Amino acid sequence: MAEVVLFHHAQGLTPGVEAFAEELRQAGHTVHVPDMYEGHTFETLEEGIGYASRTGFGTIMERGVAAAAPLGGEVVYAGFSLGVMPAQRLAQTRAGAKGALLIYSCLPVSEFGATWPADVPVQVHGMDADPFFADEGDLDAAKELAAATERAELFLYPGKQHLFADSSLPSYDQAAAELLTRRVLDFLSAL
């Protein structure tokens, strides 16, 4: 079974993020869910992004990196949207990374190094009409990543919701979330 560190999205460590982590635990995986917002959660994505902006996106990312520091190197780094920042950084730069799950977001590989590590499998998940994912460069970055390594899989879901796998939010899409979860569990079981 895999050890996973799961970084939350801009609305904070919501019940839906906790529920996703619990699904992975029920499948036998060890899952750590650090709170990069130090207890704050937000009703809307805009409020959460505002908090991250005021706090500093770099500060939020460093909180995530620091939370993963005590864990062994053989970890799968997973992130939802904002949480992709520390997840992708750690997957690309920390020796021994077992894999990466980049959900609702993907940064250009050049943010953290020249290339994606050849031995680190990665999945990217997003909705094809999500304005945050499809229109702000994340989809392009995900396509470039998928083209650059045979260890990358890009999964697009029909729809425009951003945080579609968080069961505690109005943006939740049950069918897409169930498919995403199955794909994530298959990924983890193959490691």
N, C-alpha and C. Protein backbone atom coordinates (compact mmCIF):
# COMPACT_ATOMS: atom_id res chain seq x y z
N MET A 1 0.83 -1.18 0.00
CA MET A 1 0.00 0.00 0.00
C MET A 1 0.88 1.25 0.00
N ALA A 2 0.33 2.34 -0.50
CA ALA A 2 1.10 3.57 -0.66
C ALA A 2 0.94 4.48 0.55
N GLU A 3 1.95 5.31 0.74
CA GLU A 3 1.86 6.42 1.70
C GLU A 3 1.66 7.68 0.88
N VAL A 4 0.63 8.44 1.22
CA VAL A 4 0.23 9.61 0.43
C VAL A 4 0.17 10.83 1.33
N VAL A 5 0.66 11.96 0.82
CA VAL A 5 0.41 13.23 1.47
C VAL A 5 -0.49 14.01 0.52
N LEU A 6 -1.65 14.42 1.02
CA LEU A 6 -2.69 15.06 0.22
C LEU A 6 -2.84 16.51 0.67
N PHE A 7 -2.56 17.44 -0.25
CA PHE A 7 -2.65 18.87 0.05
C PHE A 7 -3.99 19.42 -0.43
N HIS A 8 -4.66 20.17 0.45
CA HIS A 8 -6.00 20.69 0.17
C HIS A 8 -6.00 21.84 -0.85
N HIS A 9 -7.19 22.20 -1.27
CA HIS A 9 -7.40 23.28 -2.25
C HIS A 9 -7.59 24.62 -1.53
N ALA A 10 -7.93 25.65 -2.31
CA ALA A 10 -7.98 27.02 -1.78
C ALA A 10 -9.09 27.27 -0.77
N GLN A 11 -10.07 26.40 -0.67
CA GLN A 11 -11.11 26.60 0.35
C GLN A 11 -10.70 25.99 1.68
N GLY A 12 -9.55 25.38 1.72
CA GLY A 12 -9.03 24.84 2.97
C GLY A 12 -9.27 23.36 3.11
N LEU A 13 -9.02 22.88 4.30
CA LEU A 13 -9.17 21.46 4.62
C LEU A 13 -10.64 21.20 4.92
N THR A 14 -11.41 21.05 3.86
CA THR A 14 -12.86 20.89 3.96
C THR A 14 -13.24 19.45 4.30
N PRO A 15 -14.48 19.22 4.73
CA PRO A 15 -14.94 17.85 4.96
C PRO A 15 -14.82 16.98 3.70
N GLY A 16 -14.96 17.58 2.52
CA GLY A 16 -14.83 16.82 1.28
C GLY A 16 -13.41 16.34 1.02
N VAL A 17 -12.42 17.16 1.38
CA VAL A 17 -11.02 16.73 1.25
C VAL A 17 -10.77 15.59 2.24
N GLU A 18 -11.26 15.75 3.46
CA GLU A 18 -11.11 14.69 4.46
C GLU A 18 -11.79 13.40 4.01
N ALA A 19 -12.97 13.53 3.37
CA ALA A 19 -13.69 12.35 2.90
C ALA A 19 -12.91 11.64 1.79
N PHE A 20 -12.29 12.40 0.90
CA PHE A 20 -11.47 11.79 -0.15
C PHE A 20 -10.30 11.03 0.47
N ALA A 21 -9.64 11.65 1.44
CA ALA A 21 -8.53 10.99 2.13
C ALA A 21 -9.01 9.70 2.80
N GLU A 22 -10.19 9.75 3.38
CA GLU A 22 -10.72 8.56 4.05
C GLU A 22 -11.00 7.43 3.06
N GLU A 23 -11.45 7.77 1.85
CA GLU A 23 -11.65 6.73 0.83
C GLU A 23 -10.34 6.03 0.51
N LEU A 24 -9.26 6.80 0.42
CA LEU A 24 -7.95 6.19 0.16
C LEU A 24 -7.52 5.32 1.34
N ARG A 25 -7.79 5.79 2.56
CA ARG A 25 -7.46 4.99 3.74
C ARG A 25 -8.25 3.68 3.77
N GLN A 26 -9.52 3.75 3.39
CA GLN A 26 -10.36 2.55 3.38
C GLN A 26 -9.82 1.51 2.41
N ALA A 27 -9.07 1.96 1.40
CA ALA A 27 -8.46 1.05 0.43
C ALA A 27 -7.11 0.54 0.92
N GLY A 28 -6.71 0.95 2.14
CA GLY A 28 -5.49 0.44 2.75
C GLY A 28 -4.28 1.35 2.69
N HIS A 29 -4.43 2.54 2.15
CA HIS A 29 -3.31 3.46 2.03
C HIS A 29 -3.18 4.33 3.29
N THR A 30 -1.97 4.75 3.57
CA THR A 30 -1.72 5.70 4.66
C THR A 30 -1.79 7.09 4.05
N VAL A 31 -2.63 7.95 4.60
CA VAL A 31 -2.83 9.28 4.01
C VAL A 31 -2.65 10.35 5.07
N HIS A 32 -1.77 11.30 4.78
CA HIS A 32 -1.54 12.47 5.63
C HIS A 32 -2.20 13.67 4.95
N VAL A 33 -2.90 14.49 5.71
CA VAL A 33 -3.61 15.63 5.15
C VAL A 33 -3.24 16.89 5.94
N PRO A 34 -2.11 17.51 5.60
CA PRO A 34 -1.69 18.71 6.34
C PRO A 34 -2.64 19.88 6.09
N ASP A 35 -2.77 20.73 7.08
CA ASP A 35 -3.62 21.91 6.97
C ASP A 35 -2.73 23.13 6.71
N MET A 36 -2.60 23.50 5.46
CA MET A 36 -1.75 24.63 5.08
C MET A 36 -2.38 25.97 5.44
N TYR A 37 -3.66 25.95 5.83
CA TYR A 37 -4.38 27.18 6.20
C TYR A 37 -4.51 27.36 7.70
N GLU A 38 -3.89 26.49 8.47
CA GLU A 38 -3.88 26.60 9.92
C GLU A 38 -5.28 26.77 10.52
N GLY A 39 -6.20 25.92 10.06
CA GLY A 39 -7.55 25.89 10.61
C GLY A 39 -8.59 26.71 9.88
N HIS A 40 -8.18 27.52 8.94
CA HIS A 40 -9.14 28.36 8.20
C HIS A 40 -9.76 27.56 7.05
N THR A 41 -11.06 27.70 6.89
CA THR A 41 -11.76 27.21 5.71
C THR A 41 -12.65 28.33 5.21
N PHE A 42 -13.05 28.23 3.94
CA PHE A 42 -13.80 29.32 3.32
C PHE A 42 -15.00 28.78 2.55
N GLU A 43 -16.07 29.55 2.59
CA GLU A 43 -17.33 29.16 1.94
C GLU A 43 -17.21 29.19 0.42
N THR A 44 -16.40 30.11 -0.12
CA THR A 44 -16.28 30.22 -1.57
C THR A 44 -14.82 30.11 -1.99
N LEU A 45 -14.65 29.75 -3.24
CA LEU A 45 -13.31 29.66 -3.81
C LEU A 45 -12.65 31.04 -3.82
N GLU A 46 -13.42 32.07 -4.12
CA GLU A 46 -12.87 33.42 -4.16
C GLU A 46 -12.33 33.85 -2.79
N GLU A 47 -13.07 33.53 -1.72
CA GLU A 47 -12.61 33.86 -0.38
C GLU A 47 -11.31 33.10 -0.04
N GLY A 48 -11.25 31.84 -0.43
CA GLY A 48 -10.06 31.05 -0.17
C GLY A 48 -8.85 31.54 -0.95
N ILE A 49 -9.07 31.92 -2.20
CA ILE A 49 -7.97 32.47 -3.00
C ILE A 49 -7.52 33.79 -2.41
N GLY A 50 -8.46 34.59 -1.91
CA GLY A 50 -8.11 35.85 -1.26
C GLY A 50 -7.23 35.62 -0.04
N TYR A 51 -7.56 34.62 0.75
CA TYR A 51 -6.74 34.29 1.93
C TYR A 51 -5.34 33.87 1.50
N ALA A 52 -5.26 33.01 0.50
CA ALA A 52 -3.95 32.54 0.02
C ALA A 52 -3.13 33.70 -0.52
N SER A 53 -3.80 34.61 -1.20
CA SER A 53 -3.11 35.78 -1.75
C SER A 53 -2.57 36.68 -0.64
N ARG A 54 -3.39 36.93 0.37
CA ARG A 54 -2.95 37.77 1.50
C ARG A 54 -1.83 37.11 2.30
N THR A 55 -1.94 35.80 2.48
CA THR A 55 -0.93 35.06 3.23
C THR A 55 0.35 34.93 2.41
N GLY A 56 0.18 34.79 1.11
CA GLY A 56 1.28 34.59 0.17
C GLY A 56 1.27 33.16 -0.34
N PHE A 57 1.17 33.02 -1.65
CA PHE A 57 1.16 31.68 -2.23
C PHE A 57 2.45 30.93 -1.90
N GLY A 58 3.55 31.64 -1.87
CA GLY A 58 4.83 31.03 -1.50
C GLY A 58 4.82 30.50 -0.08
N THR A 59 4.20 31.28 0.83
CA THR A 59 4.08 30.85 2.23
C THR A 59 3.24 29.59 2.34
N ILE A 60 2.13 29.56 1.61
CA ILE A 60 1.25 28.38 1.62
C ILE A 60 2.02 27.17 1.11
N MET A 61 2.76 27.34 0.01
CA MET A 61 3.53 26.22 -0.53
C MET A 61 4.59 25.76 0.47
N GLU A 62 5.27 26.68 1.12
CA GLU A 62 6.30 26.30 2.09
C GLU A 62 5.70 25.56 3.28
N ARG A 63 4.48 25.92 3.69
CA ARG A 63 3.81 25.18 4.77
C ARG A 63 3.59 23.73 4.35
N GLY A 64 3.19 23.53 3.10
CA GLY A 64 2.99 22.17 2.61
C GLY A 64 4.29 21.39 2.55
N VAL A 65 5.34 22.01 2.03
CA VAL A 65 6.64 21.35 1.94
C VAL A 65 7.14 20.99 3.34
N ALA A 66 6.98 21.91 4.28
CA ALA A 66 7.43 21.66 5.66
C ALA A 66 6.64 20.52 6.30
N ALA A 67 5.35 20.44 5.99
CA ALA A 67 4.52 19.36 6.56
C ALA A 67 4.97 17.99 6.06
N ALA A 68 5.49 17.93 4.85
CA ALA A 68 5.93 16.66 4.28
C ALA A 68 7.35 16.28 4.70
N ALA A 69 8.10 17.23 5.24
CA ALA A 69 9.51 16.99 5.58
C ALA A 69 9.73 15.79 6.51
N PRO A 70 8.91 15.59 7.55
CA PRO A 70 9.17 14.45 8.45
C PRO A 70 8.85 13.09 7.85
N LEU A 71 8.15 13.06 6.74
CA LEU A 71 7.76 11.79 6.13
C LEU A 71 8.95 11.19 5.40
N GLY A 72 8.95 9.90 5.25
CA GLY A 72 9.99 9.25 4.47
C GLY A 72 9.94 9.72 3.02
N GLY A 73 10.98 9.45 2.29
CA GLY A 73 11.05 9.91 0.91
C GLY A 73 10.12 9.19 -0.04
N GLU A 74 9.73 7.96 0.27
CA GLU A 74 8.92 7.16 -0.65
C GLU A 74 7.44 7.44 -0.45
N VAL A 75 7.02 8.62 -0.92
CA VAL A 75 5.67 9.11 -0.71
C VAL A 75 5.07 9.49 -2.06
N VAL A 76 3.76 9.34 -2.17
CA VAL A 76 3.01 9.87 -3.30
C VAL A 76 2.52 11.25 -2.88
N TYR A 77 2.80 12.24 -3.70
CA TYR A 77 2.40 13.62 -3.41
C TYR A 77 1.16 13.94 -4.23
N ALA A 78 0.09 14.30 -3.53
CA ALA A 78 -1.19 14.59 -4.18
C ALA A 78 -1.65 15.98 -3.78
N GLY A 79 -2.24 16.68 -4.74
CA GLY A 79 -2.74 18.01 -4.43
C GLY A 79 -4.01 18.31 -5.19
N PHE A 80 -4.90 19.02 -4.52
CA PHE A 80 -6.11 19.54 -5.13
C PHE A 80 -5.88 21.03 -5.42
N SER A 81 -5.85 21.42 -6.67
CA SER A 81 -5.77 22.83 -7.09
C SER A 81 -4.58 23.54 -6.43
N LEU A 82 -4.82 24.43 -5.48
CA LEU A 82 -3.74 25.13 -4.77
C LEU A 82 -2.74 24.14 -4.19
N GLY A 83 -3.20 23.01 -3.75
CA GLY A 83 -2.34 21.99 -3.17
C GLY A 83 -1.41 21.32 -4.17
N VAL A 84 -1.65 21.56 -5.47
CA VAL A 84 -0.74 21.04 -6.49
C VAL A 84 0.62 21.70 -6.37
N MET A 85 0.66 22.95 -5.90
CA MET A 85 1.97 23.64 -5.79
C MET A 85 2.96 22.83 -4.97
N PRO A 86 2.68 22.51 -3.70
CA PRO A 86 3.64 21.70 -2.96
C PRO A 86 3.75 20.27 -3.47
N ALA A 87 2.64 19.69 -3.93
CA ALA A 87 2.68 18.31 -4.41
C ALA A 87 3.60 18.18 -5.62
N GLN A 88 3.44 19.07 -6.58
CA GLN A 88 4.26 18.97 -7.78
C GLN A 88 5.72 19.31 -7.47
N ARG A 89 5.93 20.31 -6.63
CA ARG A 89 7.31 20.65 -6.26
C ARG A 89 8.01 19.46 -5.61
N LEU A 90 7.35 18.83 -4.66
CA LEU A 90 7.97 17.70 -3.96
C LEU A 90 8.17 16.51 -4.89
N ALA A 91 7.19 16.23 -5.75
CA ALA A 91 7.33 15.11 -6.68
C ALA A 91 8.50 15.31 -7.63
N GLN A 92 8.73 16.56 -8.02
CA GLN A 92 9.81 16.84 -8.96
C GLN A 92 11.17 16.98 -8.30
N THR A 93 11.21 17.32 -7.01
CA THR A 93 12.50 17.68 -6.41
C THR A 93 12.94 16.78 -5.25
N ARG A 94 12.04 16.04 -4.65
CA ARG A 94 12.41 15.23 -3.48
C ARG A 94 12.77 13.83 -3.92
N ALA A 95 13.97 13.42 -3.58
CA ALA A 95 14.43 12.08 -3.94
C ALA A 95 13.51 11.02 -3.36
N GLY A 96 13.25 10.00 -4.16
CA GLY A 96 12.45 8.87 -3.71
C GLY A 96 10.95 9.01 -3.90
N ALA A 97 10.49 10.12 -4.47
CA ALA A 97 9.05 10.29 -4.69
C ALA A 97 8.51 9.08 -5.45
N LYS A 98 7.39 8.54 -4.96
CA LYS A 98 6.78 7.35 -5.57
C LYS A 98 5.79 7.69 -6.68
N GLY A 99 5.25 8.93 -6.65
CA GLY A 99 4.27 9.31 -7.66
C GLY A 99 3.67 10.65 -7.33
N ALA A 100 2.84 11.14 -8.25
CA ALA A 100 2.16 12.43 -8.07
C ALA A 100 0.75 12.34 -8.62
N LEU A 101 -0.17 12.98 -7.88
CA LEU A 101 -1.56 13.12 -8.30
C LEU A 101 -1.86 14.61 -8.30
N LEU A 102 -2.03 15.17 -9.49
CA LEU A 102 -2.26 16.60 -9.65
C LEU A 102 -3.71 16.79 -10.09
N ILE A 103 -4.53 17.24 -9.16
CA ILE A 103 -5.98 17.28 -9.38
C ILE A 103 -6.45 18.73 -9.44
N TYR A 104 -7.09 19.08 -10.55
CA TYR A 104 -7.63 20.41 -10.88
C TYR A 104 -6.56 21.42 -11.29
N SER A 105 -5.30 21.03 -11.31
CA SER A 105 -4.25 21.99 -11.62
C SER A 105 -3.00 21.26 -12.09
N CYS A 106 -2.15 21.97 -12.82
CA CYS A 106 -0.84 21.47 -13.22
C CYS A 106 0.00 22.68 -13.57
N LEU A 107 1.19 22.73 -13.01
CA LEU A 107 2.11 23.81 -13.30
C LEU A 107 3.08 23.37 -14.39
N PRO A 108 3.64 24.32 -15.14
CA PRO A 108 4.68 23.92 -16.09
C PRO A 108 5.82 23.23 -15.34
N VAL A 109 6.34 22.16 -15.90
CA VAL A 109 7.41 21.40 -15.27
C VAL A 109 8.60 22.32 -14.97
N SER A 110 8.82 23.33 -15.80
CA SER A 110 9.95 24.24 -15.64
C SER A 110 9.89 25.04 -14.34
N GLU A 111 8.74 25.07 -13.66
CA GLU A 111 8.64 25.77 -12.37
C GLU A 111 9.58 25.17 -11.33
N PHE A 112 9.82 23.86 -11.43
CA PHE A 112 10.58 23.16 -10.39
C PHE A 112 11.77 22.37 -10.93
N GLY A 113 12.07 22.50 -12.20
CA GLY A 113 13.20 21.78 -12.78
C GLY A 113 13.07 21.71 -14.28
N ALA A 114 14.10 21.25 -14.92
CA ALA A 114 14.10 21.23 -16.37
C ALA A 114 13.18 20.15 -16.95
N THR A 115 13.09 19.02 -16.26
CA THR A 115 12.28 17.91 -16.76
C THR A 115 11.56 17.22 -15.60
N TRP A 116 10.56 16.44 -15.96
CA TRP A 116 9.88 15.61 -14.98
C TRP A 116 10.78 14.40 -14.69
N PRO A 117 10.92 13.99 -13.42
CA PRO A 117 11.76 12.83 -13.10
C PRO A 117 11.24 11.57 -13.81
N ALA A 118 12.11 10.89 -14.51
CA ALA A 118 11.73 9.75 -15.34
C ALA A 118 11.11 8.61 -14.54
N ASP A 119 11.45 8.50 -13.25
CA ASP A 119 10.96 7.37 -12.45
C ASP A 119 9.74 7.70 -11.60
N VAL A 120 9.12 8.86 -11.83
CA VAL A 120 7.97 9.27 -11.02
C VAL A 120 6.71 9.29 -11.89
N PRO A 121 5.80 8.32 -11.68
CA PRO A 121 4.54 8.34 -12.42
C PRO A 121 3.64 9.47 -11.92
N VAL A 122 2.81 9.98 -12.82
CA VAL A 122 1.95 11.11 -12.46
C VAL A 122 0.62 11.00 -13.19
N GLN A 123 -0.43 11.37 -12.48
CA GLN A 123 -1.76 11.54 -13.08
C GLN A 123 -2.16 13.00 -12.90
N VAL A 124 -2.79 13.56 -13.95
CA VAL A 124 -3.38 14.90 -13.89
C VAL A 124 -4.86 14.75 -14.21
N HIS A 125 -5.70 15.37 -13.37
CA HIS A 125 -7.15 15.28 -13.54
C HIS A 125 -7.74 16.70 -13.58
N GLY A 126 -8.64 16.94 -14.53
CA GLY A 126 -9.33 18.22 -14.59
C GLY A 126 -10.51 18.16 -15.53
N MET A 127 -11.41 19.12 -15.39
CA MET A 127 -12.55 19.20 -16.29
C MET A 127 -12.18 20.01 -17.53
N ASP A 128 -12.68 19.55 -18.67
CA ASP A 128 -12.28 20.13 -19.94
C ASP A 128 -12.76 21.57 -20.16
N ALA A 129 -13.79 22.00 -19.43
CA ALA A 129 -14.28 23.37 -19.59
C ALA A 129 -14.18 24.17 -18.28
N ASP A 130 -13.40 23.68 -17.33
CA ASP A 130 -13.15 24.41 -16.08
C ASP A 130 -12.31 25.63 -16.42
N PRO A 131 -12.82 26.84 -16.18
CA PRO A 131 -12.05 28.03 -16.56
C PRO A 131 -10.71 28.13 -15.85
N PHE A 132 -10.60 27.64 -14.63
CA PHE A 132 -9.32 27.69 -13.91
C PHE A 132 -8.31 26.72 -14.54
N PHE A 133 -8.79 25.53 -14.92
CA PHE A 133 -7.91 24.50 -15.46
C PHE A 133 -7.67 24.67 -16.96
N ALA A 134 -8.74 24.88 -17.71
CA ALA A 134 -8.64 24.90 -19.18
C ALA A 134 -8.16 26.23 -19.73
N ASP A 135 -8.46 27.32 -19.04
CA ASP A 135 -8.19 28.65 -19.62
C ASP A 135 -7.01 29.38 -19.01
N GLU A 136 -6.42 28.87 -17.93
CA GLU A 136 -5.34 29.60 -17.25
C GLU A 136 -3.97 28.91 -17.39
N GLY A 137 -3.85 28.00 -18.35
CA GLY A 137 -2.56 27.39 -18.63
C GLY A 137 -2.34 26.03 -18.03
N ASP A 138 -3.18 25.60 -17.11
CA ASP A 138 -2.99 24.29 -16.46
C ASP A 138 -3.15 23.14 -17.45
N LEU A 139 -4.16 23.22 -18.29
CA LEU A 139 -4.38 22.16 -19.28
C LEU A 139 -3.19 22.09 -20.24
N ASP A 140 -2.70 23.24 -20.68
CA ASP A 140 -1.52 23.24 -21.56
C ASP A 140 -0.32 22.62 -20.86
N ALA A 141 -0.11 22.96 -19.60
CA ALA A 141 1.01 22.38 -18.83
C ALA A 141 0.83 20.87 -18.69
N ALA A 142 -0.40 20.44 -18.47
CA ALA A 142 -0.67 19.00 -18.33
C ALA A 142 -0.41 18.26 -19.64
N LYS A 143 -0.81 18.85 -20.75
CA LYS A 143 -0.54 18.23 -22.05
C LYS A 143 0.95 18.14 -22.32
N GLU A 144 1.69 19.18 -21.98
CA GLU A 144 3.14 19.16 -22.15
C GLU A 144 3.77 18.08 -21.28
N LEU A 145 3.31 17.96 -20.04
CA LEU A 145 3.82 16.93 -19.15
C LEU A 145 3.52 15.54 -19.72
N ALA A 146 2.29 15.33 -20.18
CA ALA A 146 1.92 14.03 -20.73
C ALA A 146 2.74 13.68 -21.97
N ALA A 147 3.10 14.68 -22.74
CA ALA A 147 3.90 14.44 -23.94
C ALA A 147 5.38 14.21 -23.61
N ALA A 148 5.81 14.68 -22.45
CA ALA A 148 7.23 14.64 -22.09
C ALA A 148 7.66 13.33 -21.44
N THR A 149 6.72 12.58 -20.88
CA THR A 149 7.09 11.35 -20.19
C THR A 149 6.02 10.28 -20.40
N GLU A 150 6.47 9.05 -20.56
CA GLU A 150 5.54 7.94 -20.69
C GLU A 150 4.87 7.59 -19.37
N ARG A 151 5.34 8.17 -18.28
CA ARG A 151 4.80 7.87 -16.95
C ARG A 151 3.66 8.81 -16.57
N ALA A 152 3.21 9.67 -17.50
CA ALA A 152 2.15 10.63 -17.20
C ALA A 152 0.84 10.23 -17.87
N GLU A 153 -0.25 10.44 -17.12
CA GLU A 153 -1.60 10.23 -17.65
C GLU A 153 -2.39 11.51 -17.41
N LEU A 154 -3.09 11.96 -18.43
CA LEU A 154 -3.96 13.13 -18.33
C LEU A 154 -5.40 12.65 -18.51
N PHE A 155 -6.23 12.95 -17.50
CA PHE A 155 -7.64 12.57 -17.56
C PHE A 155 -8.49 13.83 -17.57
N LEU A 156 -9.28 13.98 -18.62
CA LEU A 156 -10.21 15.11 -18.73
C LEU A 156 -11.64 14.59 -18.55
N TYR A 157 -12.41 15.35 -17.80
CA TYR A 157 -13.79 15.02 -17.51
C TYR A 157 -14.67 16.09 -18.13
N PRO A 158 -15.83 15.72 -18.66
CA PRO A 158 -16.69 16.74 -19.24
C PRO A 158 -17.30 17.63 -18.14
N GLY A 159 -17.22 18.93 -18.37
CA GLY A 159 -17.83 19.85 -17.40
C GLY A 159 -16.98 21.07 -17.16
N LYS A 160 -17.52 21.95 -16.32
CA LYS A 160 -16.84 23.23 -16.07
C LYS A 160 -16.55 23.47 -14.59
N GLN A 161 -16.82 22.49 -13.74
CA GLN A 161 -16.60 22.66 -12.30
C GLN A 161 -15.12 22.55 -11.97
N HIS A 162 -14.68 23.33 -11.01
CA HIS A 162 -13.27 23.29 -10.63
C HIS A 162 -13.05 22.21 -9.55
N LEU A 163 -13.64 22.35 -8.41
CA LEU A 163 -13.42 21.43 -7.28
C LEU A 163 -14.46 20.31 -7.30
N PHE A 164 -14.51 19.57 -8.40
CA PHE A 164 -15.61 18.63 -8.64
C PHE A 164 -15.57 17.36 -7.81
N ALA A 165 -14.46 17.05 -7.16
CA ALA A 165 -14.39 15.82 -6.37
C ALA A 165 -14.53 16.08 -4.87
N ASP A 166 -14.82 17.31 -4.48
CA ASP A 166 -15.02 17.65 -3.07
C ASP A 166 -16.51 17.54 -2.75
N SER A 167 -16.86 16.46 -2.07
CA SER A 167 -18.28 16.16 -1.81
C SER A 167 -18.95 17.15 -0.88
N SER A 168 -18.21 18.04 -0.26
CA SER A 168 -18.81 19.02 0.65
C SER A 168 -19.10 20.35 -0.01
N LEU A 169 -18.84 20.47 -1.31
CA LEU A 169 -19.02 21.74 -2.01
C LEU A 169 -20.11 21.65 -3.07
N PRO A 170 -20.73 22.79 -3.41
CA PRO A 170 -21.75 22.78 -4.46
C PRO A 170 -21.21 22.37 -5.84
N SER A 171 -19.91 22.47 -6.06
CA SER A 171 -19.30 22.12 -7.35
C SER A 171 -19.13 20.60 -7.53
N TYR A 172 -19.49 19.83 -6.53
CA TYR A 172 -19.32 18.37 -6.55
C TYR A 172 -20.07 17.75 -7.73
N ASP A 173 -19.38 16.89 -8.46
CA ASP A 173 -19.96 16.12 -9.56
C ASP A 173 -19.73 14.65 -9.23
N GLN A 174 -20.77 13.98 -8.77
CA GLN A 174 -20.62 12.62 -8.25
C GLN A 174 -20.04 11.66 -9.28
N ALA A 175 -20.53 11.68 -10.50
CA ALA A 175 -20.05 10.73 -11.51
C ALA A 175 -18.57 10.96 -11.81
N ALA A 176 -18.18 12.21 -12.01
CA ALA A 176 -16.78 12.52 -12.30
C ALA A 176 -15.90 12.19 -11.09
N ALA A 177 -16.39 12.49 -9.89
CA ALA A 177 -15.62 12.22 -8.68
C ALA A 177 -15.40 10.72 -8.48
N GLU A 178 -16.42 9.93 -8.74
CA GLU A 178 -16.28 8.48 -8.60
C GLU A 178 -15.27 7.92 -9.60
N LEU A 179 -15.30 8.42 -10.83
CA LEU A 179 -14.35 7.97 -11.85
C LEU A 179 -12.93 8.40 -11.47
N LEU A 180 -12.77 9.63 -11.01
CA LEU A 180 -11.46 10.11 -10.56
C LEU A 180 -10.93 9.23 -9.43
N THR A 181 -11.78 8.93 -8.47
CA THR A 181 -11.36 8.12 -7.32
C THR A 181 -10.93 6.74 -7.76
N ARG A 182 -11.67 6.12 -8.67
CA ARG A 182 -11.28 4.79 -9.19
C ARG A 182 -9.92 4.85 -9.86
N ARG A 183 -9.71 5.90 -10.65
CA ARG A 183 -8.42 6.04 -11.35
C ARG A 183 -7.28 6.26 -10.36
N VAL A 184 -7.52 7.06 -9.33
CA VAL A 184 -6.50 7.30 -8.31
C VAL A 184 -6.19 6.00 -7.56
N LEU A 185 -7.21 5.24 -7.19
CA LEU A 185 -6.98 3.99 -6.49
C LEU A 185 -6.23 2.98 -7.36
N ASP A 186 -6.53 2.94 -8.65
CA ASP A 186 -5.80 2.06 -9.57
C ASP A 186 -4.33 2.49 -9.64
N PHE A 187 -4.10 3.79 -9.71
CA PHE A 187 -2.74 4.34 -9.75
C PHE A 187 -1.96 3.92 -8.50
N LEU A 188 -2.57 4.10 -7.34
CA LEU A 188 -1.90 3.78 -6.09
C LEU A 188 -1.65 2.29 -5.95
N SER A 189 -2.59 1.47 -6.38
CA SER A 189 -2.41 0.02 -6.24
C SER A 189 -1.33 -0.51 -7.17
N ALA A 190 -1.01 0.22 -8.23
CA ALA A 190 0.01 -0.22 -9.19
C ALA A 190 1.42 0.15 -8.75
N LEU A 191 1.55 0.95 -7.70
CA LEU A 191 2.89 1.39 -7.27
C LEU A 191 3.61 0.29 -6.48
